[in-house]
PDB file of N, CA and C in Angstrom:
ATOM      1  N   MET A   1      -5.794  -7.908  -9.722  1.00  0.00           N
ATOM      2  CA  MET A   1      -5.219  -6.636 -10.078  1.00  0.00           C
ATOM      3  C   MET A   1      -6.222  -5.805 -10.882  1.00  0.00           C
ATOM      4  N   ILE A   2      -6.982  -6.445 -11.733  1.00  0.00           N
ATOM      5  CA  ILE A   2      -7.948  -5.710 -12.549  1.00  0.00           C
ATOM      6  C   ILE A   2      -8.992  -5.051 -11.656  1.00  0.00           C
ATOM      7  N   LEU A   3      -9.542  -5.810 -10.703  1.00  0.00           N
ATOM      8  CA  LEU A   3     -10.559  -5.239  -9.823  1.00  0.00           C
ATOM      9  C   LEU A   3      -9.993  -4.116  -8.980  1.00  0.00           C
ATOM     10  N   LEU A   4      -8.752  -4.253  -8.535  1.00  0.00           N
ATOM     11  CA  LEU A   4      -8.125  -3.172  -7.775  1.00  0.00           C
ATOM     12  C   LEU A   4      -7.928  -1.953  -8.665  1.00  0.00           C
ATOM     13  N   ALA A   5      -7.505  -2.175  -9.901  1.00  0.00           N
ATOM     14  CA  ALA A   5      -7.288  -1.065 -10.820  1.00  0.00           C
ATOM     15  C   ALA A   5      -8.585  -0.340 -11.144  1.00  0.00           C
ATOM     16  N   GLU A   6      -9.682  -1.078 -11.145  1.00  0.00           N
ATOM     17  CA  GLU A   6     -10.980  -0.458 -11.419  1.00  0.00           C
ATOM     18  C   GLU A   6     -11.544   0.243 -10.191  1.00  0.00           C
ATOM     19  N   GLY A   7     -10.960  -0.017  -9.033  1.00  0.00           N
ATOM     20  CA  GLY A   7     -11.445   0.600  -7.801  1.00  0.00           C
ATOM     21  C   GLY A   7     -12.723  -0.013  -7.266  1.00  0.00           C
ATOM     22  N   ASN A   8     -13.008  -1.260  -7.634  1.00  0.00           N
ATOM     23  CA  ASN A   8     -14.224  -1.931  -7.174  1.00  0.00           C
ATOM     24  C   ASN A   8     -14.159  -2.270  -5.698  1.00  0.00           C
ATOM     25  N   SER A   9     -15.309  -2.229  -5.057  1.00  0.00           N
ATOM     26  CA  SER A   9     -15.407  -2.703  -3.683  1.00  0.00           C
ATOM     27  C   SER A   9     -16.038  -4.088  -3.706  1.00  0.00           C
ATOM     28  N   TYR A  10     -15.803  -4.850  -2.661  1.00  0.00           N
ATOM     29  CA  TYR A  10     -16.364  -6.194  -2.563  1.00  0.00           C
ATOM     30  C   TYR A  10     -17.886  -6.134  -2.622  1.00  0.00           C
ATOM     31  N   HIS A  11     -18.465  -5.284  -1.789  1.00  0.00           N
ATOM     32  CA  HIS A  11     -19.929  -5.211  -1.733  1.00  0.00           C
ATOM     33  C   HIS A  11     -20.521  -4.754  -3.063  1.00  0.00           C
ATOM     34  N   GLU A  12     -19.874  -3.811  -3.691  1.00  0.00           N
ATOM     35  CA  GLU A  12     -20.365  -3.327  -4.982  1.00  0.00           C
ATOM     36  C   GLU A  12     -20.321  -4.429  -6.033  1.00  0.00           C
ATOM     37  N   ALA A  13     -19.203  -5.136  -6.076  1.00  0.00           N
ATOM     38  CA  ALA A  13     -19.039  -6.194  -7.072  1.00  0.00           C
ATOM     39  C   ALA A  13     -20.019  -7.338  -6.861  1.00  0.00           C
ATOM     40  N   HIS A  14     -20.367  -7.628  -5.603  1.00  0.00           N
ATOM     41  CA  HIS A  14     -21.213  -8.777  -5.310  1.00  0.00           C
ATOM     42  C   HIS A  14     -22.692  -8.447  -5.135  1.00  0.00           C
ATOM     43  N   THR A  15     -23.050  -7.185  -5.236  1.00  0.00           N
ATOM     44  CA  THR A  15     -24.470  -6.834  -5.143  1.00  0.00           C
ATOM     45  C   THR A  15     -24.995  -6.257  -6.448  1.00  0.00           C
ATOM     46  N   ARG A  16     -24.109  -6.013  -7.393  1.00  0.00           N
ATOM     47  CA  ARG A  16     -24.494  -5.351  -8.641  1.00  0.00           C
ATOM     48  C   ARG A  16     -25.464  -6.167  -9.490  1.00  0.00           C
ATOM     49  N   ASP A  17     -25.140  -7.415  -9.764  1.00  0.00           N
ATOM     50  CA  ASP A  17     -25.923  -8.198 -10.725  1.00  0.00           C
ATOM     51  C   ASP A  17     -26.586  -9.431 -10.133  1.00  0.00           C
ATOM     52  N   ASP A  18     -26.500  -9.597  -8.834  1.00  0.00           N
ATOM     53  CA  ASP A  18     -27.002 -10.819  -8.217  1.00  0.00           C
ATOM     54  C   ASP A  18     -27.917 -10.469  -7.040  1.00  0.00           C
ATOM     55  N   PRO A  19     -29.224 -10.444  -7.278  1.00  0.00           N
ATOM     56  CA  PRO A  19     -30.156 -10.057  -6.207  1.00  0.00           C
ATOM     57  C   PRO A  19     -30.044 -10.928  -4.956  1.00  0.00           C
ATOM     58  N   PHE A  20     -29.782 -12.225  -5.126  1.00  0.00           N
ATOM     59  CA  PHE A  20     -29.656 -13.102  -3.961  1.00  0.00           C
ATOM     60  C   PHE A  20     -28.442 -12.707  -3.122  1.00  0.00           C
ATOM     61  N   SER A  21     -27.302 -12.526  -3.772  1.00  0.00           N
ATOM     62  CA  SER A  21     -26.095 -12.110  -3.048  1.00  0.00           C
ATOM     63  C   SER A  21     -26.288 -10.743  -2.420  1.00  0.00           C
ATOM     64  N   ALA A  22     -26.945  -9.852  -3.139  1.00  0.00           N
ATOM     65  CA  ALA A  22     -27.204  -8.509  -2.596  1.00  0.00           C
ATOM     66  C   ALA A  22     -28.001  -8.611  -1.303  1.00  0.00           C
ATOM     67  N   HIS A  23     -29.039  -9.433  -1.317  1.00  0.00           N
ATOM     68  CA  HIS A  23     -29.868  -9.614  -0.121  1.00  0.00           C
ATOM     69  C   HIS A  23     -29.039 -10.203   1.020  1.00  0.00           C
ATOM     70  N   GLN A  24     -28.244 -11.228   0.734  1.00  0.00           N
ATOM     71  CA  GLN A  24     -27.438 -11.884   1.759  1.00  0.00           C
ATOM     72  C   GLN A  24     -26.417 -10.919   2.376  1.00  0.00           C
ATOM     73  N   ILE A  25     -25.748 -10.161   1.537  1.00  0.00           N
ATOM     74  CA  ILE A  25     -24.738  -9.223   2.032  1.00  0.00           C
ATOM     75  C   ILE A  25     -25.388  -8.120   2.858  1.00  0.00           C
ATOM     76  N   LYS A  26     -26.492  -7.575   2.368  1.00  0.00           N
ATOM     77  CA  LYS A  26     -27.172  -6.509   3.110  1.00  0.00           C
ATOM     78  C   LYS A  26     -27.701  -7.033   4.446  1.00  0.00           C
ATOM     79  N   LYS A  27     -28.166  -8.266   4.476  1.00  0.00           N
ATOM     80  CA  LYS A  27     -28.635  -8.873   5.720  1.00  0.00           C
ATOM     81  C   LYS A  27     -27.473  -9.065   6.679  1.00  0.00           C
ATOM     82  N   TRP A  28     -26.353  -9.563   6.195  1.00  0.00           N
ATOM     83  CA  TRP A  28     -25.172  -9.766   7.018  1.00  0.00           C
ATOM     84  C   TRP A  28     -24.731  -8.450   7.652  1.00  0.00           C
ATOM     85  N   ILE A  29     -24.742  -7.384   6.878  1.00  0.00           N
ATOM     86  CA  ILE A  29     -24.346  -6.061   7.387  1.00  0.00           C
ATOM     87  C   ILE A  29     -25.346  -5.569   8.427  1.00  0.00           C
ATOM     88  N   ALA A  30     -26.631  -5.686   8.132  1.00  0.00           N
ATOM     89  CA  ALA A  30     -27.671  -5.240   9.066  1.00  0.00           C
ATOM     90  C   ALA A  30     -27.631  -6.035  10.365  1.00  0.00           C
ATOM     91  N   ASP A  31     -27.349  -7.334  10.289  1.00  0.00           N
ATOM     92  CA  ASP A  31     -27.262  -8.174  11.482  1.00  0.00           C
ATOM     93  C   ASP A  31     -26.151  -7.716  12.425  1.00  0.00           C
ATOM     94  N   ARG A  32     -25.209  -6.971  11.914  1.00  0.00           N
ATOM     95  CA  ARG A  32     -24.104  -6.460  12.722  1.00  0.00           C
ATOM     96  C   ARG A  32     -24.319  -4.995  13.101  1.00  0.00           C
ATOM     97  N   SER A  33     -25.560  -4.529  12.950  1.00  0.00           N
ATOM     98  CA  SER A  33     -25.940  -3.149  13.280  1.00  0.00           C
ATOM     99  C   SER A  33     -25.121  -2.129  12.495  1.00  0.00           C
ATOM    100  N   LEU A  34     -24.802  -2.477  11.265  1.00  0.00           N
ATOM    101  CA  LEU A  34     -24.083  -1.567  10.382  1.00  0.00           C
ATOM    102  C   LEU A  34     -25.034  -1.081   9.299  1.00  0.00           C
ATOM    103  N   VAL A  35     -24.665  -0.025   8.632  1.00  0.00           N
ATOM    104  CA  VAL A  35     -25.483   0.549   7.563  1.00  0.00           C
ATOM    105  C   VAL A  35     -24.787   0.268   6.234  1.00  0.00           C
ATOM    106  N   PHE A  36     -25.524  -0.348   5.305  1.00  0.00           N
ATOM    107  CA  PHE A  36     -24.936  -0.756   4.026  1.00  0.00           C
ATOM    108  C   PHE A  36     -24.257   0.411   3.320  1.00  0.00           C
ATOM    109  N   GLU A  37     -24.905   1.550   3.253  1.00  0.00           N
ATOM    110  CA  GLU A  37     -24.344   2.699   2.533  1.00  0.00           C
ATOM    111  C   GLU A  37     -23.039   3.164   3.173  1.00  0.00           C
ATOM    112  N   ASP A  38     -22.961   3.096   4.511  1.00  0.00           N
ATOM    113  CA  ASP A  38     -21.722   3.474   5.194  1.00  0.00           C
ATOM    114  C   ASP A  38     -20.602   2.490   4.870  1.00  0.00           C
ATOM    115  N   GLU A  39     -20.939   1.209   4.873  1.00  0.00           N
ATOM    116  CA  GLU A  39     -19.953   0.185   4.544  1.00  0.00           C
ATOM    117  C   GLU A  39     -19.483   0.340   3.099  1.00  0.00           C
ATOM    118  N   LEU A  40     -20.413   0.637   2.207  1.00  0.00           N
ATOM    119  CA  LEU A  40     -20.075   0.828   0.800  1.00  0.00           C
ATOM    120  C   LEU A  40     -19.158   2.042   0.634  1.00  0.00           C
ATOM    121  N   ALA A  41     -19.445   3.127   1.334  1.00  0.00           N
ATOM    122  CA  ALA A  41     -18.601   4.324   1.253  1.00  0.00           C
ATOM    123  C   ALA A  41     -17.195   4.030   1.762  1.00  0.00           C
ATOM    124  N   TRP A  42     -17.099   3.275   2.872  1.00  0.00           N
ATOM    125  CA  TRP A  42     -15.791   2.919   3.410  1.00  0.00           C
ATOM    126  C   TRP A  42     -15.022   2.057   2.405  1.00  0.00           C
ATOM    127  N   GLU A  43     -15.715   1.062   1.825  1.00  0.00           N
ATOM    128  CA  GLU A  43     -15.063   0.203   0.826  1.00  0.00           C
ATOM    129  C   GLU A  43     -14.631   0.995  -0.398  1.00  0.00           C
ATOM    130  N   ARG A  44     -15.451   1.930  -0.831  1.00  0.00           N
ATOM    131  CA  ARG A  44     -15.072   2.741  -1.999  1.00  0.00           C
ATOM    132  C   ARG A  44     -13.809   3.541  -1.712  1.00  0.00           C
ATOM    133  N   SER A  45     -13.694   4.066  -0.501  1.00  0.00           N
ATOM    134  CA  SER A  45     -12.484   4.827  -0.158  1.00  0.00           C
ATOM    135  C   SER A  45     -11.267   3.904  -0.163  1.00  0.00           C
ATOM    136  N   ARG A  46     -11.433   2.682   0.334  1.00  0.00           N
ATOM    137  CA  ARG A  46     -10.341   1.710   0.322  1.00  0.00           C
ATOM    138  C   ARG A  46     -10.040   1.282  -1.117  1.00  0.00           C
ATOM    139  N   GLY A  47     -11.087   1.138  -1.927  1.00  0.00           N
ATOM    140  CA  GLY A  47     -10.902   0.781  -3.335  1.00  0.00           C
ATOM    141  C   GLY A  47     -10.128   1.847  -4.087  1.00  0.00           C
ATOM    142  N   GLU A  48     -10.434   3.099  -3.816  1.00  0.00           N
ATOM    143  CA  GLU A  48      -9.711   4.197  -4.469  1.00  0.00           C
ATOM    144  C   GLU A  48      -8.255   4.215  -4.022  1.00  0.00           C
ATOM    145  N   ALA A  49      -8.010   3.951  -2.742  1.00  0.00           N
ATOM    146  CA  ALA A  49      -6.629   3.885  -2.250  1.00  0.00           C
ATOM    147  C   ALA A  49      -5.869   2.744  -2.937  1.00  0.00           C
ATOM    148  N   ALA A  50      -6.531   1.595  -3.114  1.00  0.00           N
ATOM    149  CA  ALA A  50      -5.901   0.463  -3.804  1.00  0.00           C
ATOM    150  C   ALA A  50      -5.642   0.804  -5.263  1.00  0.00           C
ATOM    151  N   ARG A  51      -6.604   1.476  -5.896  1.00  0.00           N
ATOM    152  CA  ARG A  51      -6.439   1.882  -7.295  1.00  0.00           C
ATOM    153  C   ARG A  51      -5.222   2.783  -7.441  1.00  0.00           C
ATOM    154  N   GLN A  52      -5.074   3.733  -6.527  1.00  0.00           N
ATOM    155  CA  GLN A  52      -3.923   4.635  -6.578  1.00  0.00           C
ATOM    156  C   GLN A  52      -2.616   3.874  -6.381  1.00  0.00           C
ATOM    157  N   ALA A  53      -2.622   2.901  -5.458  1.00  0.00           N
ATOM    158  CA  ALA A  53      -1.411   2.113  -5.209  1.00  0.00           C
ATOM    159  C   ALA A  53      -1.017   1.298  -6.441  1.00  0.00           C
ATOM    160  N   VAL A  54      -1.981   0.674  -7.088  1.00  0.00           N
ATOM    161  CA  VAL A  54      -1.687  -0.080  -8.311  1.00  0.00           C
ATOM    162  C   VAL A  54      -1.172   0.876  -9.384  1.00  0.00           C
ATOM    163  N   GLY A  55      -1.759   2.051  -9.473  1.00  0.00           N
ATOM    164  CA  GLY A  55      -1.377   3.033 -10.488  1.00  0.00           C
ATOM    165  C   GLY A  55       0.019   3.591 -10.324  1.00  0.00           C
ATOM    166  N   GLU A  56       0.553   3.533  -9.105  1.00  0.00           N
ATOM    167  CA  GLU A  56       1.890   4.076  -8.872  1.00  0.00           C
ATOM    168  C   GLU A  56       2.993   3.226  -9.487  1.00  0.00           C
ATOM    169  N   GLY A  57       2.741   1.964  -9.738  1.00  0.00           N
ATOM    170  CA  GLY A  57       3.785   1.088 -10.277  1.00  0.00           C
ATOM    171  C   GLY A  57       3.483   0.564 -11.665  1.00  0.00           C
ATOM    172  N   LEU A  58       2.759   1.312 -12.448  1.00  0.00           N
ATOM    173  CA  LEU A  58       2.352   0.812 -13.768  1.00  0.00           C
ATOM    174  C   LEU A  58       3.532   0.445 -14.658  1.00  0.00           C
ATOM    175  N   GLU A  59       4.587   1.245 -14.641  1.00  0.00           N
ATOM    176  CA  GLU A  59       5.717   0.980 -15.533  1.00  0.00           C
ATOM    177  C   GLU A  59       6.352  -0.385 -15.258  1.00  0.00           C
ATOM    178  N   ALA A  60       6.250  -0.864 -14.027  1.00  0.00           N
ATOM    179  CA  ALA A  60       6.804  -2.179 -13.693  1.00  0.00           C
ATOM    180  C   ALA A  60       5.992  -3.312 -14.313  1.00  0.00           C
ATOM    181  N   ARG A  61       4.798  -3.023 -14.747  1.00  0.00           N
ATOM    182  CA  ARG A  61       3.936  -4.055 -15.321  1.00  0.00           C
ATOM    183  C   ARG A  61       4.069  -4.176 -16.846  1.00  0.00           C
ATOM    184  N   ILE A  62       4.666  -3.191 -17.472  1.00  0.00           N
ATOM    185  CA  ILE A  62       4.809  -3.172 -18.933  1.00  0.00           C
ATOM    186  C   ILE A  62       5.467  -4.462 -19.470  1.00  0.00           C
ATOM    187  N   PRO A  63       6.565  -4.946 -18.871  1.00  0.00           N
ATOM    188  CA  PRO A  63       7.194  -6.165 -19.424  1.00  0.00           C
ATOM    189  C   PRO A  63       6.262  -7.376 -19.459  1.00  0.00           C
ATOM    190  N   PHE A  64       5.269  -7.403 -18.598  1.00  0.00           N
ATOM    191  CA  PHE A  64       4.354  -8.546 -18.572  1.00  0.00           C
ATOM    192  C   PHE A  64       3.417  -8.574 -19.780  1.00  0.00           C
ATOM    193  N   LEU A  65       3.401  -7.510 -20.563  1.00  0.00           N
ATOM    194  CA  LEU A  65       2.617  -7.516 -21.802  1.00  0.00           C
ATOM    195  C   LEU A  65       3.229  -8.462 -22.833  1.00  0.00           C
ATOM    196  N   GLN A  66       4.462  -8.874 -22.593  1.00  0.00           N
ATOM    197  CA  GLN A  66       5.136  -9.807 -23.497  1.00  0.00           C
ATOM    198  C   GLN A  66       5.087 -11.244 -22.989  1.00  0.00           C
ATOM    199  N   ASP A  67       4.390 -11.475 -21.894  1.00  0.00           N
ATOM    200  CA  ASP A  67       4.293 -12.822 -21.339  1.00  0.00           C
ATOM    201  C   ASP A  67       3.666 -13.758 -22.359  1.00  0.00           C
ATOM    202  N   GLU A  68       4.158 -14.973 -22.409  1.00  0.00           N
ATOM    203  CA  GLU A  68       3.677 -15.935 -23.394  1.00  0.00           C
ATOM    204  C   GLU A  68       2.299 -16.496 -23.077  1.00  0.00           C
ATOM    205  N   GLY A  69       1.916 -16.452 -21.816  1.00  0.00           N
ATOM    206  CA  GLY A  69       0.594 -16.953 -21.443  1.00  0.00           C
ATOM    207  C   GLY A  69      -0.448 -15.854 -21.603  1.00  0.00           C
ATOM    208  N   ASP A  70      -1.580 -16.207 -22.163  1.00  0.00           N
ATOM    209  CA  ASP A  70      -2.616 -15.204 -22.402  1.00  0.00           C
ATOM    210  C   ASP A  70      -3.142 -14.565 -21.122  1.00  0.00           C
ATOM    211  N   GLY A  71      -3.288 -15.350 -20.065  1.00  0.00           N
ATOM    212  CA  GLY A  71      -3.928 -14.853 -18.845  1.00  0.00           C
ATOM    213  C   GLY A  71      -3.239 -13.650 -18.238  1.00  0.00           C
ATOM    214  N   LEU A  72      -1.936 -13.743 -18.029  1.00  0.00           N
ATOM    215  CA  LEU A  72      -1.205 -12.639 -17.409  1.00  0.00           C
ATOM    216  C   LEU A  72      -1.172 -11.431 -18.337  1.00  0.00           C
ATOM    217  N   ARG A  73      -0.887 -11.662 -19.590  1.00  0.00           N
ATOM    218  CA  ARG A  73      -0.819 -10.567 -20.567  1.00  0.00           C
ATOM    219  C   ARG A  73      -2.150  -9.818 -20.617  1.00  0.00           C
ATOM    220  N   GLU A  74      -3.257 -10.559 -20.669  1.00  0.00           N
ATOM    221  CA  GLU A  74      -4.582  -9.927 -20.734  1.00  0.00           C
ATOM    222  C   GLU A  74      -4.921  -9.191 -19.436  1.00  0.00           C
ATOM    223  N   ALA A  75      -4.549  -9.764 -18.299  1.00  0.00           N
ATOM    224  CA  ALA A  75      -4.825  -9.121 -17.013  1.00  0.00           C
ATOM    225  C   ALA A  75      -4.068  -7.802 -16.893  1.00  0.00           C
ATOM    226  N   VAL A  76      -2.810  -7.805 -17.309  1.00  0.00           N
ATOM    227  CA  VAL A  76      -2.017  -6.580 -17.241  1.00  0.00           C
ATOM    228  C   VAL A  76      -2.567  -5.539 -18.213  1.00  0.00           C
ATOM    229  N   ALA A  77      -2.910  -5.956 -19.419  1.00  0.00           N
ATOM    230  CA  ALA A  77      -3.471  -5.017 -20.396  1.00  0.00           C
ATOM    231  C   ALA A  77      -4.777  -4.418 -19.888  1.00  0.00           C
ATOM    232  N   ALA A  78      -5.624  -5.240 -19.304  1.00  0.00           N
ATOM    233  CA  ALA A  78      -6.895  -4.738 -18.768  1.00  0.00           C
ATOM    234  C   ALA A  78      -6.654  -3.769 -17.618  1.00  0.00           C
ATOM    235  N   ALA A  79      -5.712  -4.108 -16.744  1.00  0.00           N
ATOM    236  CA  ALA A  79      -5.399  -3.214 -15.626  1.00  0.00           C
ATOM    237  C   ALA A  79      -4.845  -1.887 -16.138  1.00  0.00           C
ATOM    238  N   LEU A  80      -3.912  -1.938 -17.084  1.00  0.00           N
ATOM    239  CA  LEU A  80      -3.339  -0.702 -17.638  1.00  0.00           C
ATOM    240  C   LEU A  80      -4.409   0.156 -18.306  1.00  0.00           C
ATOM    241  N   GLY A  81      -5.395  -0.497 -18.888  1.00  0.00           N
ATOM    242  CA  GLY A  81      -6.470   0.233 -19.564  1.00  0.00           C
ATOM    243  C   GLY A  81      -7.309   1.091 -18.629  1.00  0.00           C
ATOM    244  N   ASN A  82      -7.178   0.878 -17.332  1.00  0.00           N
ATOM    245  CA  ASN A  82      -7.915   1.680 -16.361  1.00  0.00           C
ATOM    246  C   ASN A  82      -7.190   2.964 -15.963  1.00  0.00           C
ATOM    247  N   TYR A  83      -6.062   3.222 -16.590  1.00  0.00           N
ATOM    248  CA  TYR A  83      -5.257   4.392 -16.231  1.00  0.00           C
ATOM    249  C   TYR A  83      -4.939   5.250 -17.455  1.00  0.00           C
ATOM    250  N   ALA A  84      -5.940   5.570 -18.225  1.00  0.00           N
ATOM    251  CA  ALA A  84      -5.730   6.397 -19.418  1.00  0.00           C
ATOM    252  C   ALA A  84      -5.069   7.723 -19.058  1.00  0.00           C
ATOM    253  N   GLU A  85      -5.376   8.225 -17.866  1.00  0.00           N
ATOM    254  CA  GLU A  85      -4.808   9.513 -17.445  1.00  0.00           C
ATOM    255  C   GLU A  85      -3.293   9.445 -17.227  1.00  0.00           C
ATOM    256  N   LYS A  86      -2.733   8.241 -17.153  1.00  0.00           N
ATOM    257  CA  LYS A  86      -1.292   8.084 -16.939  1.00  0.00           C
ATOM    258  C   LYS A  86      -0.561   7.625 -18.196  1.00  0.00           C
ATOM    259  N   ALA A  87      -1.267   7.493 -19.292  1.00  0.00           N
ATOM    260  CA  ALA A  87      -0.661   6.948 -20.522  1.00  0.00           C
ATOM    261  C   ALA A  87       0.568   7.756 -20.959  1.00  0.00           C
ATOM    262  N   SER A  88       0.533   9.054 -20.835  1.00  0.00           N
ATOM    263  CA  SER A  88       1.658   9.875 -21.276  1.00  0.00           C
ATOM    264  C   SER A  88       2.882   9.708 -20.370  1.00  0.00           C
ATOM    265  N   GLU A  89       2.712   9.158 -19.182  1.00  0.00           N
ATOM    266  CA  GLU A  89       3.822   8.965 -18.246  1.00  0.00           C
ATOM    267  C   GLU A  89       4.537   7.641 -18.455  1.00  0.00           C
ATOM    268  N   LEU A  90       3.920   6.731 -19.207  1.00  0.00           N
ATOM    269  CA  LEU A  90       4.476   5.381 -19.372  1.00  0.00           C
ATOM    270  C   LEU A  90       5.453   5.325 -20.549  1.00  0.00           C
ATOM    271  N   PRO A  91       6.464   4.449 -20.424  1.00  0.00           N
ATOM    272  CA  PRO A  91       7.378   4.301 -21.561  1.00  0.00           C
ATOM    273  C   PRO A  91       6.644   3.629 -22.715  1.00  0.00           C
ATOM    274  N   PRO A  92       7.116   3.839 -23.937  1.00  0.00           N
ATOM    275  CA  PRO A  92       6.470   3.196 -25.081  1.00  0.00           C
ATOM    276  C   PRO A  92       6.613   1.681 -24.990  1.00  0.00           C
ATOM    277  N   TYR A  93       5.572   0.994 -25.413  1.00  0.00           N
ATOM    278  CA  TYR A  93       5.579  -0.465 -25.427  1.00  0.00           C
ATOM    279  C   TYR A  93       6.108  -0.942 -26.755  1.00  0.00           C
ATOM    280  N   LYS A  94       7.074  -1.875 -26.719  1.00  0.00           N
ATOM    281  CA  LYS A  94       7.653  -2.391 -27.968  1.00  0.00           C
ATOM    282  C   LYS A  94       7.346  -3.851 -28.122  1.00  0.00           C
TER     283      LYS A  94
END
């Protein structure tokens, strides 16, 4: 959910900090007669669509901030943090 909320693409996430993975992914794309930049643009558009979809149901995620397990609570908080522009639309957290 966090990666979707951030609008990350698979290729972007896996080529950013890992030169070996970047080389492998770019080779895989080239072997299929595709252009990396075109694939990245397509993924970014899909990432933005996913980000918007996650953003449409933010209020449904508020109760999970009270979850007793750290993992879910932190994941929801991190995801919500990617939507500062929607903060005024959300109910107050108690």
